[in-house]
Amino acid sequence: MEKRQHHKDKKLISNVQKVDFTTDIDDEIMDNIFFFEPGEKLIQGREAILSNKNNIEKREKVNPQACLTSYPAIQGQIIAQYGRAASLGSGALCKDANNHVFLLTAAHNFVQIHEALDYKVNYSEKIMFDLCKSEARNYLKRFRVMTYIVHPLYINNHHFSQGYDIAVARLCMTDQEQAEIPVSEDSFWTNIEEIELKINDDLCVIGYPGEYNGLIYQMKGTVANIIEKEGLNKVLIYEDIDTTKGQSGGSVYTIKDGFYFRVGVHAGCDKTLNANVATAITPEIHKWIQSAVGLMYNQ
């Protein structure tokens, strides 16, 4: 009972982080994003890890136009600037019950924590979101991030297997743009208890692998485990779905009767588990997202 109250406490909402949204990230920085070292393992699924068959592509390329019609939320690629460097991630455009359009992603797409430097925390200075991106320079619309909030327990529990690797952002967009973008009104309502998610249920992970330079991929598999962490948060484990750097923050859907229901945010590959991990959208995480989005829009 005490933990449940802890999650309801408004103090759990992190401070709103403001970023420079007056200009895009410099082209010079954009042209020098390197994700993989020579010989680095690419595919991060259990079979790939154990067999060392890391270059066998099993993911399926997604038609960018399908992002507008096939999924409750609209996918896109995140570019975040830190000094003279930038990183790539994935995210999805959502709409809440108050018609607030927001970006849902992984916290580490906005905040870098360096364990080798006494856990120094770097916050992104500029962030862009390329909606329905299909190539390096081809997207439906580019938006700049105005403000973002990471889960307040993330900084001290930043490993993605802790279940706090989640963030929301408000984009710089006009009321007309919000009205014109076809974000489904049911893009955000689901949590894993409401949908009764269980082990062996079907999953689909969708996002932008860094090695494909702006192309979106998906792969289907099943829930291997649902692990409860401290504070009632949970992580989803999937062993039969491959991912690579760049897909962090992408949507994790369960598929029931042909319909996609988002149940998590892809966080990364846990080498100790030999499996991929997502931050589960529990009722508690769902309430935090609602509160954080409201806070951004009331600033």
Protein backbone atom coordinates (compact mmCIF):
# COMPACT_ATOMS: atom_id res chain seq x y z
CA MET A 1 0.00 0.00 0.00
CA GLU A 2 2.82 2.37 0.78
CA LYS A 3 4.42 1.79 -2.62
CA ARG A 4 1.14 2.50 -4.38
CA GLN A 5 0.88 5.84 -2.61
CA HIS A 6 4.47 6.52 -3.61
CA HIS A 7 3.47 6.30 -7.26
CA LYS A 8 0.50 8.59 -6.79
CA ASP A 9 2.59 11.28 -5.15
CA LYS A 10 2.79 14.33 -7.42
CA LYS A 11 6.42 14.76 -6.39
CA LEU A 12 7.16 11.81 -8.68
CA ILE A 13 6.74 14.06 -11.72
CA SER A 14 10.13 15.28 -12.80
CA ASN A 15 10.83 18.87 -13.62
CA VAL A 16 9.94 19.90 -17.13
CA GLN A 17 13.14 20.04 -19.19
CA LYS A 18 13.20 22.83 -21.76
CA VAL A 19 15.30 22.59 -24.91
CA ASP A 20 16.25 24.93 -27.73
CA PHE A 21 13.50 24.61 -30.34
CA THR A 22 14.34 27.73 -32.34
CA THR A 23 16.50 25.90 -34.92
CA ASP A 24 17.11 22.42 -36.26
CA ILE A 25 20.18 20.39 -35.35
CA ASP A 26 23.14 21.39 -37.54
CA ASP A 27 23.63 19.38 -40.73
CA GLU A 28 27.26 18.79 -39.80
CA ILE A 29 26.18 17.04 -36.62
CA MET A 30 23.44 15.12 -38.46
CA ASP A 31 25.95 13.84 -41.01
CA ASN A 32 28.27 12.46 -38.35
CA ILE A 33 26.02 10.13 -36.39
CA PHE A 34 27.80 6.80 -36.04
CA PHE A 35 26.03 3.97 -34.28
CA PHE A 36 28.14 0.89 -34.85
CA GLU A 37 31.80 0.05 -34.50
CA PRO A 38 33.40 -2.36 -37.03
CA GLY A 39 32.52 -5.92 -36.08
CA GLU A 40 30.01 -4.88 -33.44
CA LYS A 41 27.15 -7.30 -32.89
CA LEU A 42 24.08 -5.97 -34.65
CA ILE A 43 21.06 -8.16 -33.94
CA GLN A 44 20.21 -8.29 -30.23
CA GLY A 45 17.87 -11.23 -29.72
CA ARG A 46 18.43 -14.36 -27.63
CA GLU A 47 19.07 -16.66 -30.61
CA ALA A 48 21.45 -14.14 -32.17
CA ILE A 49 23.36 -13.70 -28.91
CA LEU A 50 23.68 -17.41 -28.14
CA SER A 51 24.44 -18.55 -31.70
CA ASN A 52 26.56 -15.51 -32.61
CA LYS A 53 24.53 -15.27 -35.83
CA ASN A 54 24.29 -11.56 -35.48
CA ASN A 55 23.91 -10.57 -39.13
CA ILE A 56 20.89 -12.67 -40.12
CA GLU A 57 18.07 -10.17 -40.62
CA LYS A 58 14.69 -11.46 -39.48
CA ARG A 59 12.96 -8.14 -39.00
CA GLU A 60 10.45 -6.91 -41.55
CA LYS A 61 10.68 -3.54 -43.26
CA VAL A 62 7.54 -1.46 -42.71
CA ASN A 63 5.95 0.77 -45.34
CA PRO A 64 6.06 4.25 -43.75
CA GLN A 65 2.51 4.96 -44.91
CA ALA A 66 1.34 2.00 -42.83
CA CYS A 67 2.45 3.96 -39.77
CA LEU A 68 -0.53 6.23 -40.35
CA THR A 69 -3.13 3.47 -40.54
CA SER A 70 -1.93 0.16 -39.07
CA TYR A 71 -0.99 1.16 -35.53
CA PRO A 72 -2.78 3.18 -32.82
CA ALA A 73 0.18 5.57 -32.50
CA ILE A 74 2.30 7.09 -35.28
CA GLN A 75 5.96 6.08 -35.30
CA GLY A 76 8.94 8.32 -35.95
CA GLN A 77 12.66 8.75 -35.43
CA ILE A 78 14.23 10.89 -32.69
CA ILE A 79 17.48 12.82 -33.16
CA ALA A 80 18.92 14.27 -29.93
CA GLN A 81 21.92 16.61 -29.74
CA TYR A 82 24.52 16.55 -26.96
CA GLY A 83 27.22 19.17 -27.56
CA ARG A 84 28.65 18.48 -31.02
CA ALA A 85 27.32 14.92 -31.13
CA ALA A 86 23.89 13.40 -31.65
CA SER A 87 22.15 10.09 -31.12
CA LEU A 88 19.19 8.34 -32.72
CA GLY A 89 16.14 6.75 -31.14
CA SER A 90 12.54 5.80 -31.84
CA GLY A 91 9.25 7.11 -30.51
CA ALA A 92 5.54 7.33 -31.17
CA LEU A 93 3.12 10.22 -31.40
CA CYS A 94 0.13 9.74 -29.08
CA LYS A 95 -3.01 11.55 -27.99
CA ASP A 96 -4.53 11.49 -24.51
CA ALA A 97 -8.13 11.91 -23.34
CA ASN A 98 -7.69 15.70 -23.33
CA ASN A 99 -6.60 15.69 -27.00
CA HIS A 100 -3.03 16.53 -26.01
CA VAL A 101 -0.64 15.23 -28.65
CA PHE A 102 2.67 14.05 -27.20
CA LEU A 103 5.71 11.92 -27.92
CA LEU A 104 6.26 8.72 -25.93
CA THR A 105 9.76 7.22 -25.89
CA ALA A 106 12.60 5.89 -23.74
CA ALA A 107 14.22 8.23 -21.21
CA HIS A 108 17.73 7.46 -22.42
CA ASN A 109 16.86 9.04 -25.77
CA PHE A 110 16.80 12.40 -23.95
CA VAL A 111 19.24 11.88 -21.07
CA GLN A 112 22.67 10.27 -21.10
CA ILE A 113 24.13 8.92 -17.85
CA HIS A 114 27.85 8.10 -17.90
CA GLU A 115 28.75 5.46 -15.33
CA ALA A 116 32.46 5.83 -16.13
CA LEU A 117 32.28 9.53 -15.22
CA ASP A 118 30.79 9.18 -11.74
CA TYR A 119 27.31 8.92 -13.24
CA LYS A 120 27.46 12.31 -14.88
CA VAL A 121 24.06 13.27 -16.31
CA ASN A 122 23.83 15.00 -19.70
CA TYR A 123 20.51 16.40 -20.86
CA SER A 124 19.88 16.81 -24.57
CA GLU A 125 20.15 20.37 -25.86
CA LYS A 126 18.08 19.97 -29.03
CA ILE A 127 15.69 17.21 -30.07
CA MET A 128 13.93 16.62 -33.38
CA PHE A 129 11.23 14.10 -34.24
CA ASP A 130 10.83 12.95 -37.85
CA LEU A 131 7.30 11.63 -38.25
CA CYS A 132 6.83 8.58 -40.54
CA LYS A 133 10.44 8.72 -41.64
CA SER A 134 11.29 6.57 -44.66
CA GLU A 135 14.85 7.62 -45.51
CA ALA A 136 17.58 9.78 -44.00
CA ARG A 137 16.05 12.97 -45.45
CA ASN A 138 12.51 11.86 -46.18
CA TYR A 139 9.72 12.16 -43.61
CA LEU A 140 6.10 13.25 -43.42
CA LYS A 141 6.87 16.11 -41.04
CA ARG A 142 9.78 17.23 -38.84
CA PHE A 143 8.95 18.61 -35.42
CA ARG A 144 11.18 20.16 -32.78
CA VAL A 145 10.75 19.14 -29.16
CA MET A 146 9.82 22.03 -26.87
CA THR A 147 9.84 20.31 -23.48
CA TYR A 148 10.19 16.80 -22.10
CA ILE A 149 9.90 14.91 -18.84
CA VAL A 150 11.68 11.69 -17.92
CA HIS A 151 10.36 9.45 -15.19
CA PRO A 152 11.65 10.93 -11.93
CA LEU A 153 13.02 7.60 -10.69
CA TYR A 154 15.00 7.04 -13.89
CA ILE A 155 18.10 9.04 -12.96
CA ASN A 156 18.86 6.85 -9.94
CA ASN A 157 17.55 3.67 -11.61
CA HIS A 158 18.73 4.23 -15.14
CA HIS A 159 19.43 0.69 -16.30
CA PHE A 160 16.65 -0.17 -18.73
CA SER A 161 15.86 -3.41 -16.88
CA GLN A 162 14.68 -1.33 -13.86
CA GLY A 163 11.44 -0.33 -15.56
CA TYR A 164 11.80 3.46 -15.41
CA ASP A 165 13.29 4.06 -18.86
CA ILE A 166 10.38 6.11 -20.16
CA ALA A 167 9.79 9.75 -21.11
CA VAL A 168 7.24 12.05 -22.72
CA ALA A 169 7.74 15.19 -24.80
CA ARG A 170 5.70 18.05 -26.17
CA LEU A 171 6.37 19.02 -29.76
CA CYS A 172 6.42 22.46 -31.30
CA MET A 173 3.27 22.24 -33.42
CA THR A 174 0.32 24.45 -34.19
CA ASP A 175 -3.28 23.62 -33.29
CA GLN A 176 -3.92 23.04 -36.98
CA GLU A 177 -1.04 20.56 -37.21
CA GLN A 178 -2.36 18.72 -34.17
CA ALA A 179 -5.78 18.51 -35.80
CA GLU A 180 -4.43 17.37 -39.18
CA ILE A 181 -2.17 14.57 -37.94
CA PRO A 182 -4.30 11.42 -37.68
CA VAL A 183 -3.30 10.32 -34.19
CA SER A 184 -5.82 7.79 -32.99
CA GLU A 185 -7.82 8.71 -29.89
CA ASP A 186 -7.19 5.20 -28.55
CA SER A 187 -3.42 5.50 -29.06
CA PHE A 188 -2.71 5.60 -25.36
CA TRP A 189 -5.46 4.10 -23.24
CA THR A 190 -4.08 0.58 -22.78
CA ASN A 191 -2.10 -0.76 -19.83
CA ILE A 192 -0.94 -4.34 -19.30
CA GLU A 193 -3.54 -5.08 -16.63
CA GLU A 194 -6.46 -3.70 -18.58
CA ILE A 195 -5.47 -5.76 -21.63
CA GLU A 196 -4.66 -8.74 -19.34
CA LEU A 197 -1.24 -9.28 -20.88
CA LYS A 198 0.34 -12.62 -20.00
CA ILE A 199 3.31 -14.83 -20.87
CA ASN A 200 3.23 -16.24 -24.44
CA ASP A 201 0.96 -13.46 -25.71
CA ASP A 202 1.88 -12.11 -29.13
CA LEU A 203 4.11 -9.02 -29.32
CA CYS A 204 5.30 -6.69 -32.06
CA VAL A 205 8.24 -4.29 -31.64
CA ILE A 206 8.54 -1.46 -34.16
CA GLY A 207 11.26 1.16 -34.50
CA TYR A 208 14.17 2.62 -36.44
CA PRO A 209 17.34 0.46 -36.42
CA GLY A 210 20.36 2.75 -36.49
CA GLU A 211 22.11 0.82 -39.23
CA TYR A 212 19.28 1.41 -41.74
CA ASN A 213 19.52 5.20 -41.83
CA GLY A 214 15.90 6.19 -41.38
CA LEU A 215 14.03 3.01 -42.37
CA ILE A 216 11.46 1.51 -40.02
CA TYR A 217 11.36 -2.19 -39.15
CA GLN A 218 9.22 -4.48 -37.03
CA MET A 219 9.41 -8.03 -35.72
CA LYS A 220 6.84 -10.20 -34.03
CA GLY A 221 7.33 -12.67 -31.19
CA THR A 222 5.91 -13.47 -27.79
CA VAL A 223 6.11 -12.39 -24.15
CA ALA A 224 8.76 -14.53 -22.43
CA ASN A 225 8.26 -13.04 -18.98
CA ILE A 226 6.76 -10.12 -17.07
CA ILE A 227 8.98 -9.14 -14.15
CA GLU A 228 7.73 -6.94 -11.33
CA LYS A 229 10.25 -4.46 -10.00
CA GLU A 230 10.14 -2.21 -6.95
CA GLY A 231 7.35 0.36 -6.83
CA LEU A 232 4.85 -1.74 -8.81
CA ASN A 233 6.55 -1.05 -12.12
CA LYS A 234 7.24 -3.99 -14.44
CA VAL A 235 9.38 -4.90 -17.43
CA LEU A 236 8.45 -7.07 -20.39
CA ILE A 237 10.94 -9.70 -21.55
CA TYR A 238 11.01 -11.00 -25.14
CA GLU A 239 13.63 -13.46 -26.36
CA ASP A 240 12.50 -14.10 -29.94
CA ILE A 241 12.47 -10.51 -31.23
CA ASP A 242 15.64 -8.94 -32.62
CA THR A 243 16.46 -5.27 -32.16
CA THR A 244 19.46 -3.00 -32.62
CA LYS A 245 20.61 0.39 -31.41
CA GLY A 246 18.20 3.08 -32.55
CA GLN A 247 15.04 1.12 -31.78
CA SER A 248 15.01 2.24 -28.15
CA GLY A 249 11.80 4.11 -27.43
CA GLY A 250 9.86 2.26 -30.12
CA SER A 251 6.38 0.95 -29.42
CA VAL A 252 5.80 -2.55 -28.09
CA TYR A 253 2.35 -3.83 -29.06
CA THR A 254 0.40 -6.91 -28.18
CA ILE A 255 -1.92 -8.21 -30.90
CA LYS A 256 -5.37 -9.44 -29.96
CA ASP A 257 -8.04 -10.35 -32.51
CA GLY A 258 -6.04 -8.53 -35.18
CA PHE A 259 -5.86 -5.26 -33.22
CA TYR A 260 -2.66 -3.65 -31.90
CA PHE A 261 -2.58 -2.50 -28.28
CA ARG A 262 0.51 -0.76 -26.96
CA VAL A 263 1.79 -2.35 -23.76
CA GLY A 264 5.35 -1.05 -23.49
CA VAL A 265 8.25 1.06 -24.69
CA HIS A 266 11.30 -0.78 -26.00
CA ALA A 267 14.32 -0.09 -23.79
CA GLY A 268 17.16 -2.33 -24.95
CA CYS A 269 18.90 -5.69 -24.76
CA ASP A 270 19.80 -7.07 -21.34
CA LYS A 271 22.88 -9.26 -21.89
CA THR A 272 22.49 -10.85 -18.44
CA LEU A 273 19.07 -12.15 -19.50
CA ASN A 274 20.03 -12.74 -23.14
CA ALA A 275 16.78 -11.02 -24.02
CA ASN A 276 15.21 -7.72 -25.00
CA VAL A 277 13.44 -5.58 -22.42
CA ALA A 278 10.61 -3.03 -22.50
CA THR A 279 9.30 -0.67 -19.85
CA ALA A 280 5.79 -1.98 -19.29
CA ILE A 281 2.87 0.42 -19.31
CA THR A 282 1.42 -0.54 -15.96
CA PRO A 283 -1.54 1.34 -14.44
CA GLU A 284 0.99 3.30 -12.35
CA ILE A 285 3.16 4.22 -15.35
CA HIS A 286 0.02 5.08 -17.29
CA LYS A 287 -1.07 7.53 -14.55
CA TRP A 288 2.39 9.08 -14.47
CA ILE A 289 2.32 9.64 -18.23
CA GLN A 290 -1.07 11.34 -17.98
CA SER A 291 0.15 13.60 -15.18
CA ALA A 292 3.40 14.45 -16.98
CA VAL A 293 1.64 15.32 -20.24
CA GLY A 294 -0.80 17.54 -18.33
CA LEU A 295 2.11 19.28 -16.63
CA MET A 296 3.82 20.03 -19.95
CA TYR A 297 0.65 21.48 -21.44
CA ASN A 298 -0.05 23.61 -18.37
CA GLN A 299 3.38 25.28 -18.37
